[in-house]
Amino acid sequence: MSQTQIAQEINDRPTKPALLRGARGRCPACGEGKLFSKYLKVNDSCPSCGEELHHQRADDGPAYLTILLVSHLGTPLLMAIFMMYRPSPMTLLLSFSIGAIVASLALLPVVKGGFVGVQWARRMHGFGDTRRSNPREDGAAGPADIALSAQ
């Protein structure tokens, strides 16, 4: 298999549309089916196109990124409000604690969907694994075999 064929096979799933579909809570493959069956539970397969989604391995990544986003957005806002209005410490603590919790709960499914979309587009963790679905008769290693052996 030539380098251009390998690059074409890898790039036939554009990352940006898959990330945006996942962030909207839709299947990264078709953009139609629901990605989540519950708040953060990813469907095993897309109800619309049948794409298998059980391969996803988002784990703690979305939580870390959500915390990073909320803290980096909340800290300058906290400082600005403190400097402009000088609220009592208890008011500041309660309002920003509730705000951080609400923002985190709102962002977490968006970030997790984006993670699943990127994993699908980049064929990570079994998405598009040709060894299981289409084994080669000649026994030669294909691009998916090479990528998996490097992990």
C-alpha atoms as a PDB file:
ATOM      1  CA  MET A   1       0.000   0.000   0.000  1.00  0.00           C
ATOM      2  CA  SER A   2       1.458   3.362  -1.010  1.00  0.00           C
ATOM      3  CA  GLN A   3       1.890   6.380   1.262  1.00  0.00           C
ATOM      4  CA  THR A   4      -0.904   8.267  -0.533  1.00  0.00           C
ATOM      5  CA  GLN A   5      -3.333   5.382  -0.026  1.00  0.00           C
ATOM      6  CA  ILE A   6      -2.475   5.262   3.680  1.00  0.00           C
ATOM      7  CA  ALA A   7      -2.884   9.036   3.999  1.00  0.00           C
ATOM      8  CA  GLN A   8      -6.198   8.924   2.117  1.00  0.00           C
ATOM      9  CA  GLU A   9      -7.507   6.123   4.341  1.00  0.00           C
ATOM     10  CA  ILE A  10      -6.552   8.072   7.464  1.00  0.00           C
ATOM     11  CA  ASN A  11      -7.949  11.378   6.174  1.00  0.00           C
ATOM     12  CA  ASP A  12     -11.266  10.087   4.819  1.00  0.00           C
ATOM     13  CA  ARG A  13     -12.811  10.978   8.174  1.00  0.00           C
ATOM     14  CA  PRO A  14     -12.365  14.749   8.640  1.00  0.00           C
ATOM     15  CA  THR A  15     -11.730  15.621  12.263  1.00  0.00           C
ATOM     16  CA  LYS A  16     -13.492  18.986  12.520  1.00  0.00           C
ATOM     17  CA  PRO A  17     -16.973  17.837  11.388  1.00  0.00           C
ATOM     18  CA  ALA A  18     -16.728  14.727  13.583  1.00  0.00           C
ATOM     19  CA  LEU A  19     -15.709  16.841  16.594  1.00  0.00           C
ATOM     20  CA  LEU A  20     -18.579  19.295  16.010  1.00  0.00           C
ATOM     21  CA  ARG A  21     -21.127  16.495  15.562  1.00  0.00           C
ATOM     22  CA  GLY A  22     -19.955  14.828  18.753  1.00  0.00           C
ATOM     23  CA  ALA A  23     -20.050  18.136  20.653  1.00  0.00           C
ATOM     24  CA  ARG A  24     -23.683  18.560  19.575  1.00  0.00           C
ATOM     25  CA  GLY A  25     -24.431  15.104  20.981  1.00  0.00           C
ATOM     26  CA  ARG A  26     -24.838  13.493  17.570  1.00  0.00           C
ATOM     27  CA  CYS A  27     -23.189  10.492  15.951  1.00  0.00           C
ATOM     28  CA  PRO A  28     -19.774  11.531  14.570  1.00  0.00           C
ATOM     29  CA  ALA A  29     -20.318   9.406  11.460  1.00  0.00           C
ATOM     30  CA  CYS A  30     -23.744  10.553  10.242  1.00  0.00           C
ATOM     31  CA  GLY A  31     -24.631  13.513  12.469  1.00  0.00           C
ATOM     32  CA  GLU A  32     -28.198  12.227  12.819  1.00  0.00           C
ATOM     33  CA  GLY A  33     -28.386   9.675  15.629  1.00  0.00           C
ATOM     34  CA  LYS A  34     -28.054  10.531  19.309  1.00  0.00           C
ATOM     35  CA  LEU A  35     -24.595   9.957  20.755  1.00  0.00           C
ATOM     36  CA  PHE A  36     -25.720   9.660  24.386  1.00  0.00           C
ATOM     37  CA  SER A  37     -28.429   7.400  25.804  1.00  0.00           C
ATOM     38  CA  LYS A  38     -28.192   9.099  29.211  1.00  0.00           C
ATOM     39  CA  TYR A  39     -26.368  12.172  30.529  1.00  0.00           C
ATOM     40  CA  LEU A  40     -22.851  10.826  29.772  1.00  0.00           C
ATOM     41  CA  LYS A  41     -23.577   7.235  28.652  1.00  0.00           C
ATOM     42  CA  VAL A  42     -22.486   6.777  25.035  1.00  0.00           C
ATOM     43  CA  ASN A  43     -24.739   4.522  22.946  1.00  0.00           C
ATOM     44  CA  ASP A  44     -23.155   1.235  21.897  1.00  0.00           C
ATOM     45  CA  SER A  45     -24.133   2.011  18.309  1.00  0.00           C
ATOM     46  CA  CYS A  46     -25.789   4.854  16.428  1.00  0.00           C
ATOM     47  CA  PRO A  47     -29.562   4.399  16.264  1.00  0.00           C
ATOM     48  CA  SER A  48     -29.593   6.062  12.838  1.00  0.00           C
ATOM     49  CA  CYS A  49     -26.650   4.678  10.824  1.00  0.00           C
ATOM     50  CA  GLY A  50     -25.593   1.718  12.992  1.00  0.00           C
ATOM     51  CA  GLU A  51     -21.971   2.915  13.452  1.00  0.00           C
ATOM     52  CA  GLU A  52     -20.453   1.132  16.450  1.00  0.00           C
ATOM     53  CA  LEU A  53     -19.595   3.632  19.179  1.00  0.00           C
ATOM     54  CA  HIS A  54     -18.687   1.252  22.006  1.00  0.00           C
ATOM     55  CA  HIS A  55     -14.994   1.622  21.115  1.00  0.00           C
ATOM     56  CA  GLN A  56     -14.805   5.094  22.674  1.00  0.00           C
ATOM     57  CA  ARG A  57     -12.341   5.580  25.511  1.00  0.00           C
ATOM     58  CA  ALA A  58     -12.958   9.141  26.698  1.00  0.00           C
ATOM     59  CA  ASP A  59     -12.248   8.199  30.343  1.00  0.00           C
ATOM     60  CA  ASP A  60     -11.010  11.211  32.366  1.00  0.00           C
ATOM     61  CA  GLY A  61     -10.003  13.456  29.461  1.00  0.00           C
ATOM     62  CA  PRO A  62     -13.328  15.326  29.195  1.00  0.00           C
ATOM     63  CA  ALA A  63     -13.404  15.957  32.957  1.00  0.00           C
ATOM     64  CA  TYR A  64      -9.873  17.396  32.958  1.00  0.00           C
ATOM     65  CA  LEU A  65     -10.578  19.620  29.956  1.00  0.00           C
ATOM     66  CA  THR A  66     -13.880  20.794  31.466  1.00  0.00           C
ATOM     67  CA  ILE A  67     -12.169  21.728  34.725  1.00  0.00           C
ATOM     68  CA  LEU A  68      -9.470  23.550  32.760  1.00  0.00           C
ATOM     69  CA  LEU A  69     -12.037  25.527  30.749  1.00  0.00           C
ATOM     70  CA  VAL A  70     -14.268  26.416  33.694  1.00  0.00           C
ATOM     71  CA  SER A  71     -11.372  27.504  35.888  1.00  0.00           C
ATOM     72  CA  HIS A  72      -9.739  29.571  33.145  1.00  0.00           C
ATOM     73  CA  LEU A  73     -13.022  31.285  32.348  1.00  0.00           C
ATOM     74  CA  GLY A  74     -14.110  31.690  35.968  1.00  0.00           C
ATOM     75  CA  THR A  75     -10.917  33.069  37.473  1.00  0.00           C
ATOM     76  CA  PRO A  76     -10.748  36.326  35.481  1.00  0.00           C
ATOM     77  CA  LEU A  77     -14.488  36.786  35.996  1.00  0.00           C
ATOM     78  CA  LEU A  78     -14.091  36.258  39.743  1.00  0.00           C
ATOM     79  CA  MET A  79     -11.278  38.804  39.887  1.00  0.00           C
ATOM     80  CA  ALA A  80     -13.207  41.373  37.829  1.00  0.00           C
ATOM     81  CA  ILE A  81     -16.359  41.072  39.929  1.00  0.00           C
ATOM     82  CA  PHE A  82     -14.357  41.283  43.137  1.00  0.00           C
ATOM     83  CA  MET A  83     -12.535  44.421  41.969  1.00  0.00           C
ATOM     84  CA  MET A  84     -15.678  46.156  40.655  1.00  0.00           C
ATOM     85  CA  TYR A  85     -18.305  45.319  43.299  1.00  0.00           C
ATOM     86  CA  ARG A  86     -16.412  44.068  46.408  1.00  0.00           C
ATOM     87  CA  PRO A  87     -19.069  41.520  47.429  1.00  0.00           C
ATOM     88  CA  SER A  88     -18.797  39.743  50.753  1.00  0.00           C
ATOM     89  CA  PRO A  89     -16.585  36.651  50.757  1.00  0.00           C
ATOM     90  CA  MET A  90     -19.570  34.378  51.433  1.00  0.00           C
ATOM     91  CA  THR A  91     -21.515  35.829  48.482  1.00  0.00           C
ATOM     92  CA  LEU A  92     -18.513  35.393  46.231  1.00  0.00           C
ATOM     93  CA  LEU A  93     -17.904  31.836  47.422  1.00  0.00           C
ATOM     94  CA  LEU A  94     -21.512  30.718  47.011  1.00  0.00           C
ATOM     95  CA  SER A  95     -22.140  32.385  43.668  1.00  0.00           C
ATOM     96  CA  PHE A  96     -18.938  31.178  42.029  1.00  0.00           C
ATOM     97  CA  SER A  97     -19.239  27.678  43.489  1.00  0.00           C
ATOM     98  CA  ILE A  98     -22.732  27.304  42.069  1.00  0.00           C
ATOM     99  CA  GLY A  99     -21.625  28.874  38.785  1.00  0.00           C
ATOM    100  CA  ALA A 100     -18.650  26.524  38.463  1.00  0.00           C
ATOM    101  CA  ILE A 101     -20.823  23.473  39.153  1.00  0.00           C
ATOM    102  CA  VAL A 102     -23.479  24.523  36.630  1.00  0.00           C
ATOM    103  CA  ALA A 103     -20.874  25.394  33.981  1.00  0.00           C
ATOM    104  CA  SER A 104     -19.065  22.083  34.514  1.00  0.00           C
ATOM    105  CA  LEU A 105     -22.260  20.052  34.256  1.00  0.00           C
ATOM    106  CA  ALA A 106     -23.262  21.935  31.098  1.00  0.00           C
ATOM    107  CA  LEU A 107     -19.849  21.596  29.403  1.00  0.00           C
ATOM    108  CA  LEU A 108     -19.075  17.987  30.300  1.00  0.00           C
ATOM    109  CA  PRO A 109     -21.357  16.307  27.696  1.00  0.00           C
ATOM    110  CA  VAL A 110     -20.191  18.760  25.024  1.00  0.00           C
ATOM    111  CA  VAL A 111     -16.525  18.030  25.709  1.00  0.00           C
ATOM    112  CA  LYS A 112     -17.087  14.261  25.970  1.00  0.00           C
ATOM    113  CA  GLY A 113     -18.965  14.248  22.664  1.00  0.00           C
ATOM    114  CA  GLY A 114     -16.073  16.121  21.071  1.00  0.00           C
ATOM    115  CA  PHE A 115     -13.626  13.560  22.439  1.00  0.00           C
ATOM    116  CA  VAL A 116     -15.661  10.687  20.978  1.00  0.00           C
ATOM    117  CA  GLY A 117     -15.870  12.514  17.647  1.00  0.00           C
ATOM    118  CA  VAL A 118     -12.104  12.989  17.480  1.00  0.00           C
ATOM    119  CA  GLN A 119     -11.512   9.349  18.417  1.00  0.00           C
ATOM    120  CA  TRP A 120     -13.862   8.224  15.648  1.00  0.00           C
ATOM    121  CA  ALA A 121     -12.284  10.540  13.046  1.00  0.00           C
ATOM    122  CA  ARG A 122      -8.716   9.528  13.925  1.00  0.00           C
ATOM    123  CA  ARG A 123      -9.687   5.808  14.111  1.00  0.00           C
ATOM    124  CA  MET A 124      -8.480   5.521  17.691  1.00  0.00           C
ATOM    125  CA  HIS A 125      -9.254   2.652  20.098  1.00  0.00           C
ATOM    126  CA  GLY A 126     -10.826   0.290  17.548  1.00  0.00           C
ATOM    127  CA  PHE A 127     -12.849   2.755  15.451  1.00  0.00           C
ATOM    128  CA  GLY A 128     -12.197   1.524  11.919  1.00  0.00           C
ATOM    129  CA  ASP A 129     -10.049  -1.426  13.002  1.00  0.00           C
ATOM    130  CA  THR A 130      -9.729  -3.408   9.779  1.00  0.00           C
ATOM    131  CA  ARG A 131      -8.124  -6.422  11.477  1.00  0.00           C
ATOM    132  CA  ARG A 132     -11.420  -7.450  13.058  1.00  0.00           C
ATOM    133  CA  SER A 133     -13.842  -6.520  10.287  1.00  0.00           C
ATOM    134  CA  ASN A 134     -11.765  -7.168   7.122  1.00  0.00           C
ATOM    135  CA  PRO A 135      -8.741  -9.435   7.625  1.00  0.00           C
ATOM    136  CA  ARG A 136      -6.307  -9.567   4.713  1.00  0.00           C
ATOM    137  CA  GLU A 137      -5.997 -12.908   2.964  1.00  0.00           C
ATOM    138  CA  ASP A 138      -2.262 -12.564   2.345  1.00  0.00           C
ATOM    139  CA  GLY A 139      -1.522 -11.967   6.056  1.00  0.00           C
ATOM    140  CA  ALA A 140       0.318  -8.714   5.363  1.00  0.00           C
ATOM    141  CA  ALA A 141       0.057  -5.894   7.841  1.00  0.00           C
ATOM    142  CA  GLY A 142      -2.194  -3.024   6.754  1.00  0.00           C
ATOM    143  CA  PRO A 143      -2.190   0.572   8.052  1.00  0.00           C
ATOM    144  CA  ALA A 144      -4.532  -0.292  10.908  1.00  0.00           C
ATOM    145  CA  ASP A 145      -2.278  -3.181  11.976  1.00  0.00           C
ATOM    146  CA  ILE A 146       0.752  -0.887  11.965  1.00  0.00           C
ATOM    147  CA  ALA A 147      -1.090   1.793  13.935  1.00  0.00           C
ATOM    148  CA  LEU A 148      -2.325  -0.729  16.493  1.00  0.00           C
ATOM    149  CA  SER A 149       1.086  -2.300  16.964  1.00  0.00           C
ATOM    150  CA  ALA A 150       2.525   1.132  17.738  1.00  0.00           C
ATOM    151  CA  GLN A 151       0.072   1.639  20.622  1.00  0.00           C
END
